[in-house]
N, C-alpha and C. Protein backbone atom coordinates (compact mmCIF):
# COMPACT_ATOMS: atom_id res chain seq x y z
N UNK A 1 27.96 -5.33 24.27
CA UNK A 1 27.53 -6.43 23.44
C UNK A 1 27.30 -6.05 22.10
N UNK A 2 27.85 -6.64 21.09
CA UNK A 2 27.73 -6.29 19.69
C UNK A 2 26.45 -6.72 19.11
N UNK A 3 25.97 -6.03 18.14
CA UNK A 3 24.74 -6.39 17.50
C UNK A 3 24.88 -7.72 16.71
N UNK A 4 23.87 -8.52 16.59
CA UNK A 4 23.93 -9.74 15.78
C UNK A 4 24.04 -9.45 14.20
N UNK A 5 24.39 -10.32 13.49
CA UNK A 5 24.34 -10.22 12.00
C UNK A 5 23.00 -10.35 11.57
N UNK A 6 22.15 -11.19 12.18
CA UNK A 6 20.77 -11.40 11.82
C UNK A 6 19.84 -11.31 13.03
N UNK A 7 18.64 -10.74 12.79
CA UNK A 7 17.70 -10.81 13.93
C UNK A 7 16.32 -10.88 13.37
N UNK A 8 15.42 -11.70 13.86
CA UNK A 8 14.07 -11.80 13.42
C UNK A 8 13.22 -11.04 14.53
N UNK A 9 12.48 -10.10 14.12
CA UNK A 9 11.58 -9.31 14.98
C UNK A 9 10.18 -9.69 14.66
N UNK A 10 9.54 -10.24 15.73
CA UNK A 10 8.18 -10.77 15.57
C UNK A 10 7.11 -9.88 16.27
N UNK A 11 6.14 -9.57 15.61
CA UNK A 11 4.94 -8.75 16.18
C UNK A 11 3.95 -9.82 16.59
N UNK A 12 3.84 -10.00 17.84
CA UNK A 12 2.78 -11.05 18.33
C UNK A 12 1.70 -10.45 19.09
N UNK A 13 0.55 -11.09 19.00
CA UNK A 13 -0.65 -10.79 19.82
C UNK A 13 -0.81 -11.95 20.70
N UNK A 14 -1.52 -13.11 20.24
CA UNK A 14 -1.54 -14.26 21.08
C UNK A 14 -1.28 -15.50 20.34
N UNK A 15 -0.65 -15.31 19.21
CA UNK A 15 -0.26 -16.57 18.45
C UNK A 15 0.79 -17.35 18.96
N UNK A 16 0.90 -18.62 18.58
CA UNK A 16 1.90 -19.58 19.02
C UNK A 16 3.22 -19.23 18.25
N UNK A 17 4.24 -18.89 19.02
CA UNK A 17 5.49 -18.55 18.31
C UNK A 17 6.63 -19.55 18.58
N UNK A 18 6.16 -20.83 18.92
CA UNK A 18 7.16 -21.93 19.12
C UNK A 18 8.10 -22.06 17.91
N UNK A 19 7.52 -21.67 16.71
CA UNK A 19 8.27 -21.95 15.50
C UNK A 19 9.59 -21.08 15.52
N UNK A 20 9.68 -20.07 16.23
CA UNK A 20 10.92 -19.26 16.27
C UNK A 20 12.11 -20.03 17.00
N UNK A 21 11.82 -21.08 17.73
CA UNK A 21 12.84 -21.66 18.51
C UNK A 21 13.85 -22.38 17.66
N UNK A 22 13.51 -22.88 16.56
CA UNK A 22 14.48 -23.61 15.75
C UNK A 22 15.07 -22.78 14.57
N UNK A 23 14.93 -21.49 14.54
CA UNK A 23 15.54 -20.70 13.48
C UNK A 23 17.03 -20.63 13.39
N UNK A 24 17.62 -20.79 14.61
CA UNK A 24 19.10 -20.62 14.63
C UNK A 24 19.59 -19.14 14.46
N UNK A 25 18.61 -18.22 14.68
CA UNK A 25 18.87 -16.70 14.49
C UNK A 25 18.43 -16.01 15.78
N UNK A 26 19.00 -14.88 16.02
CA UNK A 26 18.53 -14.06 17.16
C UNK A 26 16.99 -13.66 16.86
N UNK A 27 16.27 -13.87 17.86
CA UNK A 27 14.79 -13.56 17.80
C UNK A 27 14.42 -12.60 18.89
N UNK A 28 13.70 -11.60 18.51
CA UNK A 28 13.02 -10.60 19.51
C UNK A 28 11.56 -10.65 19.19
N UNK A 29 10.82 -11.06 20.22
CA UNK A 29 9.32 -11.14 20.14
C UNK A 29 8.72 -10.03 21.01
N UNK A 30 7.97 -9.11 20.34
CA UNK A 30 7.19 -8.07 21.02
C UNK A 30 5.72 -8.52 21.21
N UNK A 31 5.33 -8.47 22.43
CA UNK A 31 4.05 -9.05 22.83
C UNK A 31 3.01 -7.99 22.99
N UNK A 32 1.92 -8.04 22.31
CA UNK A 32 0.81 -7.06 22.39
C UNK A 32 -0.45 -7.75 23.10
N UNK A 33 -0.22 -8.84 23.74
CA UNK A 33 -1.39 -9.56 24.34
C UNK A 33 -1.98 -9.00 25.61
N UNK A 34 -1.21 -8.06 26.12
CA UNK A 34 -1.56 -7.40 27.47
C UNK A 34 -0.89 -8.02 28.63
N UNK A 35 -0.13 -9.07 28.40
CA UNK A 35 0.64 -9.73 29.42
C UNK A 35 1.89 -8.88 29.77
N UNK A 36 2.06 -8.45 31.00
CA UNK A 36 3.24 -7.51 31.33
C UNK A 36 4.56 -8.35 31.00
N UNK A 37 5.49 -7.60 30.59
CA UNK A 37 6.85 -8.14 30.22
C UNK A 37 7.72 -7.19 29.70
N UNK A 38 9.06 -7.48 29.65
CA UNK A 38 10.02 -6.56 29.18
C UNK A 38 9.81 -6.12 27.75
N UNK A 39 9.25 -6.95 26.99
CA UNK A 39 9.03 -6.60 25.53
C UNK A 39 7.58 -6.47 25.25
N UNK A 40 6.75 -6.15 26.14
CA UNK A 40 5.24 -5.96 25.85
C UNK A 40 5.11 -4.61 25.29
N UNK A 41 4.16 -4.34 24.54
CA UNK A 41 3.73 -3.07 23.81
C UNK A 41 2.19 -2.97 23.89
N UNK A 42 1.87 -1.78 23.88
CA UNK A 42 0.32 -1.55 23.75
C UNK A 42 -0.17 -2.18 22.37
N UNK A 43 -1.37 -2.64 22.47
CA UNK A 43 -1.96 -3.22 21.25
C UNK A 43 -2.57 -2.21 20.32
N UNK A 44 -1.66 -1.51 19.69
CA UNK A 44 -2.14 -0.41 18.85
C UNK A 44 -1.29 -0.45 17.58
N UNK A 45 -1.86 0.14 16.43
CA UNK A 45 -1.06 0.39 15.23
C UNK A 45 -0.63 -0.78 14.46
N UNK A 46 -1.21 -2.02 14.62
CA UNK A 46 -0.82 -3.11 13.84
C UNK A 46 0.62 -3.48 13.92
N UNK A 47 1.18 -4.18 12.96
CA UNK A 47 2.61 -4.55 13.02
C UNK A 47 3.52 -3.33 12.81
N UNK A 48 2.95 -2.27 12.11
CA UNK A 48 3.73 -1.12 11.95
C UNK A 48 4.19 -0.37 13.30
N UNK A 49 3.35 -0.45 14.15
CA UNK A 49 3.81 0.13 15.49
C UNK A 49 4.91 -0.62 16.13
N UNK A 50 4.75 -1.99 16.01
CA UNK A 50 5.89 -2.83 16.60
C UNK A 50 7.23 -2.66 15.89
N UNK A 51 7.13 -2.67 14.60
CA UNK A 51 8.45 -2.56 13.83
C UNK A 51 9.13 -1.08 14.08
N UNK A 52 8.31 -0.04 14.14
CA UNK A 52 8.90 1.26 14.32
C UNK A 52 9.27 1.36 15.77
N UNK A 53 8.69 0.81 16.74
CA UNK A 53 9.14 0.78 18.08
C UNK A 53 10.38 0.19 18.22
N UNK A 54 10.71 -0.97 17.46
CA UNK A 54 11.89 -1.66 17.52
C UNK A 54 13.04 -0.71 17.00
N UNK A 55 12.79 -0.14 15.92
CA UNK A 55 13.75 0.73 15.24
C UNK A 55 14.10 1.83 15.99
N UNK A 56 13.22 2.58 16.62
CA UNK A 56 13.46 3.73 17.47
C UNK A 56 14.24 3.27 18.70
N UNK A 57 13.83 2.17 19.39
CA UNK A 57 14.56 1.72 20.50
C UNK A 57 15.94 1.15 20.31
N UNK A 58 16.16 0.69 19.10
CA UNK A 58 17.39 -0.04 18.90
C UNK A 58 18.23 0.66 17.61
N UNK A 59 17.90 1.93 17.49
CA UNK A 59 18.51 2.62 16.28
C UNK A 59 20.01 2.48 16.33
N UNK A 60 20.60 2.59 17.41
CA UNK A 60 22.05 2.61 17.60
C UNK A 60 22.64 1.13 17.75
N UNK A 61 21.75 0.08 17.81
CA UNK A 61 22.26 -1.23 17.97
C UNK A 61 21.48 -2.17 17.19
N UNK A 62 21.15 -1.82 15.91
CA UNK A 62 20.48 -2.71 15.02
C UNK A 62 21.26 -3.86 14.55
N UNK A 63 20.58 -4.98 14.28
CA UNK A 63 21.38 -6.08 13.62
C UNK A 63 21.84 -5.68 12.22
N UNK A 64 22.76 -6.41 11.70
CA UNK A 64 23.21 -6.08 10.33
C UNK A 64 22.08 -6.38 9.35
N UNK A 65 21.25 -7.36 9.58
CA UNK A 65 20.07 -7.65 8.76
C UNK A 65 18.89 -7.96 9.71
N UNK A 66 17.75 -7.45 9.51
CA UNK A 66 16.52 -7.67 10.27
C UNK A 66 15.38 -8.20 9.49
N UNK A 67 14.82 -9.23 9.89
CA UNK A 67 13.60 -9.85 9.31
C UNK A 67 12.39 -9.42 10.02
N UNK A 68 11.60 -8.58 9.59
CA UNK A 68 10.35 -8.23 10.39
C UNK A 68 9.19 -9.13 9.93
N UNK A 69 8.43 -9.77 10.82
CA UNK A 69 7.40 -10.63 10.49
C UNK A 69 6.33 -10.61 11.49
N UNK A 70 5.18 -10.95 11.11
CA UNK A 70 4.00 -11.10 12.02
C UNK A 70 4.11 -12.51 12.66
N UNK A 71 3.33 -12.79 13.63
CA UNK A 71 3.61 -13.99 14.46
C UNK A 71 3.12 -15.25 13.79
N UNK A 72 2.24 -15.06 12.73
CA UNK A 72 1.78 -16.33 11.98
C UNK A 72 2.14 -16.01 10.51
N UNK A 73 3.44 -16.09 10.19
CA UNK A 73 3.82 -15.61 8.84
C UNK A 73 3.61 -16.70 7.73
N UNK A 74 3.50 -18.00 7.96
CA UNK A 74 3.72 -18.92 6.97
C UNK A 74 2.44 -19.02 6.05
N UNK A 75 1.31 -18.60 6.49
CA UNK A 75 0.09 -18.53 5.64
C UNK A 75 0.22 -17.68 4.52
N UNK A 76 1.08 -16.63 4.61
CA UNK A 76 1.25 -15.56 3.61
C UNK A 76 2.49 -15.89 2.69
N UNK A 77 3.37 -16.86 3.00
CA UNK A 77 4.47 -17.22 2.27
C UNK A 77 4.14 -18.29 1.22
N UNK A 78 5.08 -18.66 0.36
CA UNK A 78 4.84 -19.58 -0.67
C UNK A 78 4.45 -20.89 -0.06
N UNK A 79 3.63 -21.72 -0.74
CA UNK A 79 3.34 -23.03 -0.17
C UNK A 79 4.48 -23.85 0.16
N UNK A 80 4.44 -24.52 1.35
CA UNK A 80 5.44 -25.36 1.80
C UNK A 80 6.56 -24.62 2.62
N UNK A 81 6.34 -23.29 2.85
CA UNK A 81 7.34 -22.66 3.69
C UNK A 81 7.35 -23.13 5.06
N UNK A 82 8.53 -23.23 5.65
CA UNK A 82 8.74 -23.73 6.96
C UNK A 82 9.73 -22.78 7.80
N UNK A 83 9.84 -22.93 9.03
CA UNK A 83 10.71 -22.17 9.77
C UNK A 83 12.20 -22.23 9.19
N UNK A 84 12.57 -23.48 8.78
CA UNK A 84 13.87 -23.74 8.28
C UNK A 84 14.15 -22.99 7.00
N UNK A 85 13.08 -23.06 6.12
CA UNK A 85 13.21 -22.44 4.74
C UNK A 85 13.22 -20.87 4.98
N UNK A 86 12.45 -20.43 5.92
CA UNK A 86 12.56 -18.95 6.19
C UNK A 86 13.85 -18.51 6.79
N UNK A 87 14.45 -19.25 7.62
CA UNK A 87 15.67 -18.85 8.10
C UNK A 87 16.76 -18.92 6.98
N UNK A 88 16.68 -19.96 6.15
CA UNK A 88 17.58 -19.97 5.02
C UNK A 88 17.41 -18.81 4.05
N UNK A 89 16.18 -18.47 3.95
CA UNK A 89 15.92 -17.25 2.97
C UNK A 89 16.57 -15.99 3.54
N UNK A 90 16.49 -15.86 4.81
CA UNK A 90 17.14 -14.73 5.51
C UNK A 90 18.65 -14.65 5.31
N UNK A 91 19.27 -15.78 5.47
CA UNK A 91 20.76 -15.90 5.24
C UNK A 91 21.02 -15.69 3.74
N UNK A 92 20.20 -16.27 2.89
CA UNK A 92 20.48 -16.13 1.47
C UNK A 92 20.36 -14.63 0.97
N UNK A 93 19.45 -14.02 1.53
CA UNK A 93 19.21 -12.60 1.15
C UNK A 93 20.53 -11.78 1.45
N UNK A 94 21.07 -12.09 2.66
CA UNK A 94 22.38 -11.42 3.03
C UNK A 94 23.54 -11.83 2.09
N UNK A 95 23.64 -13.10 1.83
CA UNK A 95 24.71 -13.60 0.92
C UNK A 95 24.58 -12.96 -0.54
N UNK A 96 23.34 -12.66 -0.92
CA UNK A 96 23.22 -12.12 -2.23
C UNK A 96 23.37 -10.54 -2.25
N UNK A 97 23.61 -10.05 -1.02
CA UNK A 97 23.74 -8.60 -0.97
C UNK A 97 22.44 -7.74 -0.99
N UNK A 98 21.35 -8.51 -0.80
CA UNK A 98 20.06 -7.68 -0.85
C UNK A 98 19.96 -6.76 0.36
N UNK A 99 19.34 -5.63 0.15
CA UNK A 99 19.11 -4.66 1.23
C UNK A 99 17.66 -4.61 1.64
N UNK A 100 16.81 -5.08 0.81
CA UNK A 100 15.37 -5.11 1.11
C UNK A 100 14.62 -6.23 0.27
N UNK A 101 13.87 -7.08 0.93
CA UNK A 101 13.07 -8.09 0.14
C UNK A 101 11.83 -8.46 0.95
N UNK A 102 10.74 -8.79 0.30
CA UNK A 102 9.53 -9.18 1.00
C UNK A 102 9.58 -10.70 1.10
N UNK A 103 8.67 -11.19 2.08
CA UNK A 103 8.55 -12.64 2.26
C UNK A 103 7.26 -13.26 1.76
N UNK A 104 6.34 -12.38 1.48
CA UNK A 104 5.02 -12.88 1.06
C UNK A 104 5.02 -13.41 -0.36
N UNK A 105 4.13 -14.25 -0.50
CA UNK A 105 4.05 -15.01 -1.80
C UNK A 105 3.35 -14.13 -2.93
N UNK A 106 3.15 -12.93 -2.62
CA UNK A 106 2.39 -12.10 -3.62
C UNK A 106 2.91 -10.73 -3.51
N UNK A 107 2.62 -9.80 -4.57
CA UNK A 107 2.93 -8.43 -4.56
C UNK A 107 1.70 -7.71 -4.81
N UNK A 108 1.81 -6.38 -4.47
CA UNK A 108 0.64 -5.54 -4.73
C UNK A 108 0.97 -4.28 -5.52
N UNK A 109 -0.03 -3.75 -6.20
CA UNK A 109 0.14 -2.41 -6.87
C UNK A 109 -1.08 -1.68 -6.40
N UNK A 110 -0.86 -0.33 -5.99
CA UNK A 110 -2.07 0.40 -5.56
C UNK A 110 -1.90 1.87 -5.87
N UNK A 111 -2.90 2.62 -5.74
CA UNK A 111 -2.88 4.08 -5.90
C UNK A 111 -2.79 4.78 -4.63
N UNK A 112 -2.94 6.13 -4.59
CA UNK A 112 -2.77 6.88 -3.30
C UNK A 112 -3.75 6.58 -2.30
N UNK A 113 -4.90 5.97 -2.76
CA UNK A 113 -5.95 5.58 -1.75
C UNK A 113 -5.93 4.06 -1.39
N UNK A 114 -4.76 3.34 -1.79
CA UNK A 114 -4.58 1.97 -1.52
C UNK A 114 -5.36 1.14 -2.44
N UNK A 115 -6.06 1.69 -3.44
CA UNK A 115 -6.93 0.81 -4.29
C UNK A 115 -6.11 0.16 -5.43
N UNK A 116 -6.49 -1.04 -5.70
CA UNK A 116 -7.70 -1.83 -5.28
C UNK A 116 -7.32 -2.40 -3.88
N UNK A 117 -8.34 -2.61 -3.10
CA UNK A 117 -8.16 -3.25 -1.74
C UNK A 117 -9.54 -3.88 -1.40
N UNK A 118 -9.51 -4.61 -0.37
CA UNK A 118 -10.70 -5.46 0.01
C UNK A 118 -11.32 -4.97 1.31
N UNK A 119 -11.01 -3.74 1.70
CA UNK A 119 -11.44 -3.22 3.08
C UNK A 119 -12.99 -2.97 2.98
N UNK A 120 -13.64 -3.03 1.86
CA UNK A 120 -15.06 -2.85 1.72
C UNK A 120 -15.80 -4.15 1.51
N UNK A 121 -15.02 -5.28 1.65
CA UNK A 121 -15.53 -6.59 1.58
C UNK A 121 -16.45 -6.91 2.71
N UNK A 122 -17.73 -7.22 2.36
CA UNK A 122 -18.72 -7.56 3.51
C UNK A 122 -18.22 -8.51 4.54
N UNK A 123 -17.43 -9.45 4.00
CA UNK A 123 -16.91 -10.48 4.87
C UNK A 123 -16.04 -9.90 6.04
N UNK A 124 -15.50 -8.77 5.78
CA UNK A 124 -14.60 -8.08 6.76
C UNK A 124 -15.42 -7.20 7.71
N UNK A 125 -16.69 -6.92 7.45
CA UNK A 125 -17.48 -5.97 8.25
C UNK A 125 -17.50 -6.45 9.77
N UNK A 126 -17.15 -5.55 10.51
CA UNK A 126 -17.10 -5.80 11.99
C UNK A 126 -15.83 -6.39 12.54
N UNK A 127 -14.87 -6.82 11.60
CA UNK A 127 -13.65 -7.33 11.99
C UNK A 127 -12.54 -6.37 11.98
N UNK A 128 -12.68 -5.20 11.25
CA UNK A 128 -11.62 -4.15 11.15
C UNK A 128 -12.30 -2.75 11.42
N UNK A 129 -11.67 -2.02 12.29
CA UNK A 129 -12.30 -0.68 12.55
C UNK A 129 -12.26 0.21 11.29
N UNK A 130 -11.40 -0.10 10.37
CA UNK A 130 -11.35 0.77 9.12
C UNK A 130 -12.15 0.17 8.01
N UNK A 131 -13.07 -0.61 8.32
CA UNK A 131 -13.93 -1.24 7.25
C UNK A 131 -14.60 -0.15 6.37
N UNK A 132 -14.61 -0.31 5.09
CA UNK A 132 -15.23 0.59 4.28
C UNK A 132 -14.55 1.82 3.88
N UNK A 133 -13.34 2.09 4.51
CA UNK A 133 -12.54 3.13 4.25
C UNK A 133 -11.40 2.93 3.26
N UNK A 134 -10.94 3.87 2.49
CA UNK A 134 -9.77 3.64 1.73
C UNK A 134 -8.55 3.61 2.73
N UNK A 135 -7.28 3.37 2.09
CA UNK A 135 -6.13 3.27 2.75
C UNK A 135 -5.33 4.55 2.38
N UNK A 136 -4.95 5.33 3.47
CA UNK A 136 -4.38 6.75 3.13
C UNK A 136 -2.87 6.70 2.76
N UNK A 137 -2.54 5.87 1.69
CA UNK A 137 -1.12 5.69 1.32
C UNK A 137 -0.48 6.98 0.84
N UNK A 138 -1.11 7.75 0.13
CA UNK A 138 -0.61 8.99 -0.34
C UNK A 138 -0.49 10.02 0.76
N UNK A 139 -1.59 10.05 1.59
CA UNK A 139 -1.48 10.97 2.81
C UNK A 139 -0.33 10.70 3.74
N UNK A 140 -0.16 9.42 3.97
CA UNK A 140 1.00 9.09 4.91
C UNK A 140 2.29 9.30 4.27
N UNK A 141 2.33 9.11 2.99
CA UNK A 141 3.62 9.34 2.21
C UNK A 141 3.94 10.78 2.37
N UNK A 142 2.92 11.67 2.23
CA UNK A 142 3.20 13.12 2.24
C UNK A 142 3.65 13.65 3.58
N UNK A 143 3.22 12.94 4.67
CA UNK A 143 3.63 13.23 6.04
C UNK A 143 5.16 12.73 6.36
N UNK A 144 5.54 11.76 5.53
CA UNK A 144 6.83 11.17 5.78
C UNK A 144 7.96 11.74 4.94
N UNK A 145 7.63 12.03 3.66
CA UNK A 145 8.67 12.42 2.76
C UNK A 145 8.63 13.77 2.24
N UNK A 146 9.69 14.22 1.67
CA UNK A 146 9.67 15.53 0.89
C UNK A 146 9.37 15.18 -0.59
N UNK A 147 9.00 16.17 -1.40
CA UNK A 147 8.80 16.00 -2.78
C UNK A 147 7.36 15.56 -3.07
N UNK A 148 6.99 15.42 -4.32
CA UNK A 148 5.62 14.96 -4.77
C UNK A 148 5.26 13.60 -4.38
N UNK A 149 4.00 13.39 -4.29
CA UNK A 149 3.51 12.03 -3.91
C UNK A 149 3.26 11.23 -5.18
N UNK A 150 3.88 10.04 -5.32
CA UNK A 150 3.58 9.25 -6.47
C UNK A 150 2.19 8.87 -6.70
N UNK A 151 1.74 8.61 -7.89
CA UNK A 151 0.31 8.32 -8.18
C UNK A 151 0.10 6.78 -7.98
N UNK A 152 1.06 6.02 -8.15
CA UNK A 152 1.07 4.54 -8.07
C UNK A 152 2.18 4.05 -7.13
N UNK A 153 1.89 2.94 -6.52
CA UNK A 153 2.98 2.35 -5.62
C UNK A 153 3.00 0.88 -5.90
N UNK A 154 4.16 0.49 -6.16
CA UNK A 154 4.48 -1.02 -6.26
C UNK A 154 4.91 -1.58 -4.91
N UNK A 155 4.31 -2.63 -4.51
CA UNK A 155 4.61 -3.08 -3.11
C UNK A 155 5.05 -4.50 -3.22
N UNK A 156 6.36 -4.73 -3.12
CA UNK A 156 7.02 -5.88 -3.19
C UNK A 156 7.08 -6.70 -1.80
N UNK A 157 6.62 -6.09 -0.81
CA UNK A 157 6.68 -6.73 0.51
C UNK A 157 5.35 -6.39 1.35
N UNK A 158 4.24 -6.95 0.84
CA UNK A 158 3.04 -6.84 1.58
C UNK A 158 2.93 -7.69 2.74
N UNK A 159 1.77 -7.57 3.48
CA UNK A 159 1.58 -8.43 4.71
C UNK A 159 2.52 -8.10 5.82
N UNK A 160 3.27 -7.00 5.78
CA UNK A 160 3.98 -6.66 6.92
C UNK A 160 5.20 -7.67 7.21
N UNK A 161 5.80 -8.15 6.18
CA UNK A 161 6.82 -9.17 6.35
C UNK A 161 7.97 -8.88 5.43
N UNK A 162 9.14 -8.39 5.86
CA UNK A 162 10.19 -8.13 5.02
C UNK A 162 11.59 -8.20 5.63
N UNK A 163 12.63 -8.25 4.81
CA UNK A 163 14.01 -8.36 5.18
C UNK A 163 14.54 -6.96 4.92
N UNK A 164 15.44 -6.35 5.83
CA UNK A 164 16.04 -5.06 5.54
C UNK A 164 17.38 -5.05 6.15
N UNK A 165 18.34 -4.38 5.50
CA UNK A 165 19.74 -4.26 5.97
C UNK A 165 19.72 -3.08 6.90
N UNK A 166 20.77 -3.15 7.86
CA UNK A 166 20.87 -1.96 8.79
C UNK A 166 21.17 -0.72 8.03
N UNK A 167 22.03 -0.83 6.90
CA UNK A 167 22.35 0.32 6.08
C UNK A 167 21.12 1.06 5.55
N UNK A 168 20.04 0.18 5.10
CA UNK A 168 18.99 0.93 4.58
C UNK A 168 18.02 1.57 5.64
N UNK A 169 18.01 0.90 6.86
CA UNK A 169 17.27 1.57 7.99
C UNK A 169 17.97 2.84 8.32
N UNK A 170 19.25 2.86 8.48
CA UNK A 170 19.99 4.05 8.90
C UNK A 170 20.05 5.11 7.75
N UNK A 171 19.57 4.85 6.53
CA UNK A 171 19.39 5.88 5.53
C UNK A 171 18.40 6.99 5.86
N UNK A 172 17.61 6.63 6.81
CA UNK A 172 16.61 7.57 7.43
C UNK A 172 17.02 8.01 8.84
N UNK A 173 16.96 9.20 9.11
CA UNK A 173 17.44 9.71 10.55
C UNK A 173 16.45 9.19 11.58
N UNK A 174 16.89 9.18 12.79
CA UNK A 174 16.00 8.76 13.88
C UNK A 174 14.74 9.57 13.97
N UNK A 175 14.87 10.80 13.79
CA UNK A 175 13.69 11.59 13.80
C UNK A 175 12.58 11.26 12.87
N UNK A 176 13.00 10.66 11.74
CA UNK A 176 12.02 10.15 10.75
C UNK A 176 11.20 9.06 11.42
N UNK A 177 11.95 8.06 11.96
CA UNK A 177 11.15 6.98 12.60
C UNK A 177 10.32 7.46 13.82
N UNK A 178 10.78 8.35 14.59
CA UNK A 178 9.93 8.84 15.75
C UNK A 178 8.77 9.51 15.21
N UNK A 179 8.79 10.26 14.11
CA UNK A 179 7.57 10.91 13.50
C UNK A 179 6.67 9.76 12.90
N UNK A 180 7.21 8.85 12.29
CA UNK A 180 6.41 7.76 11.69
C UNK A 180 5.69 7.03 12.92
N UNK A 181 6.35 6.77 13.98
CA UNK A 181 5.65 6.17 15.11
C UNK A 181 4.66 6.97 15.72
N UNK A 182 4.82 8.28 15.68
CA UNK A 182 3.70 9.13 16.23
C UNK A 182 2.50 9.16 15.25
N UNK A 183 2.79 8.99 14.00
CA UNK A 183 1.65 8.91 13.00
C UNK A 183 0.87 7.63 13.23
N UNK A 184 1.50 6.58 13.46
CA UNK A 184 0.80 5.26 13.73
C UNK A 184 0.08 5.33 14.97
N UNK A 185 0.76 5.93 16.03
CA UNK A 185 0.12 5.94 17.39
C UNK A 185 -1.14 6.86 17.40
N UNK A 186 -1.21 7.76 16.55
CA UNK A 186 -2.34 8.70 16.45
C UNK A 186 -3.57 8.06 15.89
N UNK A 187 -3.40 6.73 15.35
CA UNK A 187 -4.58 6.05 14.81
C UNK A 187 -4.48 4.63 15.51
N UNK A 188 -4.67 4.64 16.84
CA UNK A 188 -4.39 3.44 17.66
C UNK A 188 -5.13 2.17 17.22
N UNK A 189 -6.31 2.34 16.84
CA UNK A 189 -7.24 1.22 16.39
C UNK A 189 -7.16 0.98 14.95
N UNK A 190 -6.42 1.71 14.27
CA UNK A 190 -6.18 1.64 12.82
C UNK A 190 -7.65 1.84 12.06
N UNK A 191 -8.44 2.76 12.78
CA UNK A 191 -9.78 3.01 12.26
C UNK A 191 -9.53 3.87 10.88
N UNK A 192 -8.39 4.54 10.74
CA UNK A 192 -8.21 5.33 9.52
C UNK A 192 -7.24 4.49 8.62
N UNK A 193 -7.00 3.25 8.98
CA UNK A 193 -6.17 2.37 8.04
C UNK A 193 -4.74 2.82 7.86
N UNK A 194 -4.21 3.63 9.01
CA UNK A 194 -2.81 4.10 8.86
C UNK A 194 -1.95 2.95 8.79
N UNK A 195 -2.07 1.90 9.64
CA UNK A 195 -1.22 0.84 9.65
C UNK A 195 -1.16 0.15 8.32
N UNK A 196 -2.35 0.00 7.68
CA UNK A 196 -2.36 -0.56 6.34
C UNK A 196 -1.54 0.23 5.26
N UNK A 197 -1.58 1.55 5.55
CA UNK A 197 -0.77 2.43 4.64
C UNK A 197 0.72 2.13 4.66
N UNK A 198 1.18 1.96 6.04
CA UNK A 198 2.54 1.72 6.19
C UNK A 198 2.92 0.34 5.43
N UNK A 199 2.05 -0.58 5.41
CA UNK A 199 2.31 -1.92 4.87
C UNK A 199 2.63 -1.74 3.36
N UNK A 200 2.04 -0.61 2.79
CA UNK A 200 2.29 -0.41 1.40
C UNK A 200 3.42 0.57 1.15
N UNK A 201 4.11 1.03 2.20
CA UNK A 201 5.17 2.03 2.17
C UNK A 201 6.61 1.54 2.53
N UNK A 202 6.55 0.29 3.14
CA UNK A 202 7.90 0.01 3.61
C UNK A 202 9.00 -0.05 2.52
N UNK A 203 8.71 -0.32 1.22
CA UNK A 203 9.64 -0.45 0.23
C UNK A 203 10.20 0.98 -0.11
N UNK A 204 9.37 2.03 0.18
CA UNK A 204 9.84 3.44 0.14
C UNK A 204 10.62 3.84 1.18
N UNK A 205 10.13 3.58 2.39
CA UNK A 205 10.89 3.85 3.67
C UNK A 205 12.32 3.27 3.69
N UNK A 206 12.55 2.12 3.04
CA UNK A 206 13.78 1.37 3.04
C UNK A 206 14.47 1.34 1.68
N UNK A 207 14.16 2.37 0.81
CA UNK A 207 14.81 2.34 -0.50
C UNK A 207 16.15 2.98 -0.55
N UNK A 208 16.67 3.54 0.53
CA UNK A 208 17.95 4.09 0.67
C UNK A 208 18.03 5.50 -0.03
N UNK A 209 17.01 6.10 -0.53
CA UNK A 209 17.04 7.39 -1.26
C UNK A 209 17.04 8.52 -0.15
N UNK A 210 18.13 8.99 0.27
CA UNK A 210 18.23 10.06 1.23
C UNK A 210 17.58 11.41 0.84
N UNK A 211 17.49 11.47 -0.53
CA UNK A 211 16.85 12.71 -1.13
C UNK A 211 15.41 12.89 -0.77
N UNK A 212 14.68 11.79 -0.32
CA UNK A 212 13.36 11.86 0.23
C UNK A 212 13.19 12.36 1.69
N UNK A 213 14.37 12.40 2.42
CA UNK A 213 14.31 12.82 3.83
C UNK A 213 13.97 14.31 3.89
N UNK A 214 13.11 14.53 4.88
CA UNK A 214 12.78 15.98 5.18
C UNK A 214 13.96 16.72 5.86
N UNK A 215 14.32 17.93 5.52
CA UNK A 215 15.41 18.60 6.16
C UNK A 215 15.14 18.72 7.60
N UNK A 216 13.98 18.94 8.07
CA UNK A 216 13.80 19.10 9.50
C UNK A 216 14.20 17.82 10.22
N UNK A 217 13.97 16.59 9.58
CA UNK A 217 14.32 15.34 10.29
C UNK A 217 15.87 15.27 10.34
N UNK A 218 16.54 15.73 9.26
CA UNK A 218 18.04 15.60 9.25
C UNK A 218 18.75 16.53 10.27
N UNK A 219 18.01 17.58 10.67
CA UNK A 219 18.58 18.60 11.56
C UNK A 219 18.44 18.17 13.08
N UNK A 220 17.71 17.06 13.32
CA UNK A 220 17.34 16.71 14.72
C UNK A 220 18.23 15.60 15.09
């Protein structure tokens, strides 16, 4: 069976995903609610664990273009976004020849510690295991890539929602994604904010620059 031109990969916990039924696109929903199933995953590592699990498992059969989104995506999109407009955007991205694009209505700029961020906001106390800690963007970058760590990061695809072509995914070897998955899994509750770091690094992971690949990844 050939891979589809488009696929929407959804990271679900217990959210209502009925909105996916009318997309007119192939949809794969990974479930972290604890309900046994073919596409159930352990509830660890935020969306990053879900997306990396998909890439590792489907590396040789990826869709031509994949939209990775959380299960309640529209609150992060521009006002008025609907399943129909989302599906149109996915197709439009491909028509325009885009290889990577974010779906959120905002962008971020941060330093190696993920600053500025709101993980010290008292309103979040008790809701996130990584409350009060910085986001190890630079540290995770150093574990993933060769070369010096940038001082600043421009994040065009925050909130863990983005479109990426198969070509850009395959610019990194399978060993890279396996190691990335191990990094996320080593912080299962995201107490170290590793999952948040990946949310600020997707644009680097999928920038197509093979010069960032570690030699040991390319040899495996």
